[in-house]
Amino acid sequence: METDQSLSLQAEQCTIAGSLTVPRMINGLWQLAGGHDAEVDISMAAEAMKPLIDAGLWCFDMADHYGEAEVVVGQFNATAFDGARKLTAFTKWCPPEDGQKSFENAEAAVDRALGRMGQESVALMQYHIWDYSDDTYLHNLDHLRRLQDQGKVQHFGLTNTDAAHLKQLLQSGFRIATNQVSSSVIDRRVTQGNLASVCAEHGVGILAYGTLLGGFLSEKWLGADEPQDMQTLNWSLRKYLRFIHAAGGWAPFQHVLQCLASVAEKHKVAIAAVATRWVLDIPVVSAVIVGCRLSTDSLKYANSNLMAFSFALDEADKMAIEEAQRGLKNIPGDCGDEYRRSPYLTATGDLSHHLKKNKAAENAN
């Protein structure tokens, strides 16, 4: 793979909800939430956005709980005086379901995001539902619809929502632009279940994260021994090692990784490019979200990631990958279930305490 070639590549683009155009590769800022770097230098992180934007990767995805990610966007917006560089920022509202259902509470959450980002509107506000049996999310989505009418939110979407509840919300009249869910050569729930058909029918775009399994889908791990101590891994690797376990374990994962390596060698690209291209080729996937630490190395990794747009998987490639995947087990449940019931495929491996806390707070109100 030649770095000079990647510098000339541009990401494909997509249009969300009929009007919002973004690159099909989005910079994900979860790594700013902690568990990867000890401390984030806000000014340096904002400066690191510039070369990414210049490379055509001008969209950034974050959340209210991603540390100072929204503040970094605000710093960029405050210091990019030349107007030559502009970014698009997606964020998320992931409130505890503790009985707070008022419009004022929702407006305060959106206003806080806008204040931190230094913007008058949010391009895409994504909502995370913790508990489908609690109607808090219905109230909050209705509030987001009202805030959309006011112009504070341009579009709103969901995160980690299964096919049944997405369909129910769409049939209830909510204009949901996107659903952000895990999708990779290991996690195939988008197409194995009903989510892809629901999204295709209603024009909902999938924003796919976990596409590189936190870095496991790379040359570094090809032929490597399985990590034995979770505590030696960063949050991303801890999380996606749980996905590997759920998909059958290290041996079948290595078999798929070897297949990706063979395809990568054929096309003279990195393993990550093949893994990314496979997800991009899912018809309902609007874009992939690739983790970015916003450091001096960000552009180097971005140039490598852009190689996903330099080639096409042919039928032989697709058949080889499909054959390798036969050794995998299906990830349990539908998309997003890992946040609501065991097995909790998250960095901590257990969210039951969070769900119980939400329920206790609700009962107290």
Foldseek 3Di string as FASTA:
>chain_A
DDLVVLLPFEAPWFDWPPHRIAGQEEAELLPQLDLNDPHDDLLLLLVLQVVCQVSRHQEYEEEPRSHLVLLSLLNNVVPVPVPPGHHAYEYEDEDQQQAPQDLVVLVVVLVVSCVSNVHQAHAEYEYEDQDPVRCSVVSNLVSVVVVCVVVNYVAYAYEQDFQVVVLVVVVVPRPHGEYEFEDWLLAHQCPVDCNLVSCVVRVHAYAYECLCQLPCLFPVNQVHDDDDDLVVHGLSNLLSQLSQVLFPHDVLVNLLSVLLCVVCVVVVATSSLSGQLVVVPSVRHRHYHDYANSHPCRVVVVSRNSCNVVDHQDPVSVVSSVVSSVNTHHRPDHTNVLSHDPCNSGSVRDCVVSVVVSVVSNVVD
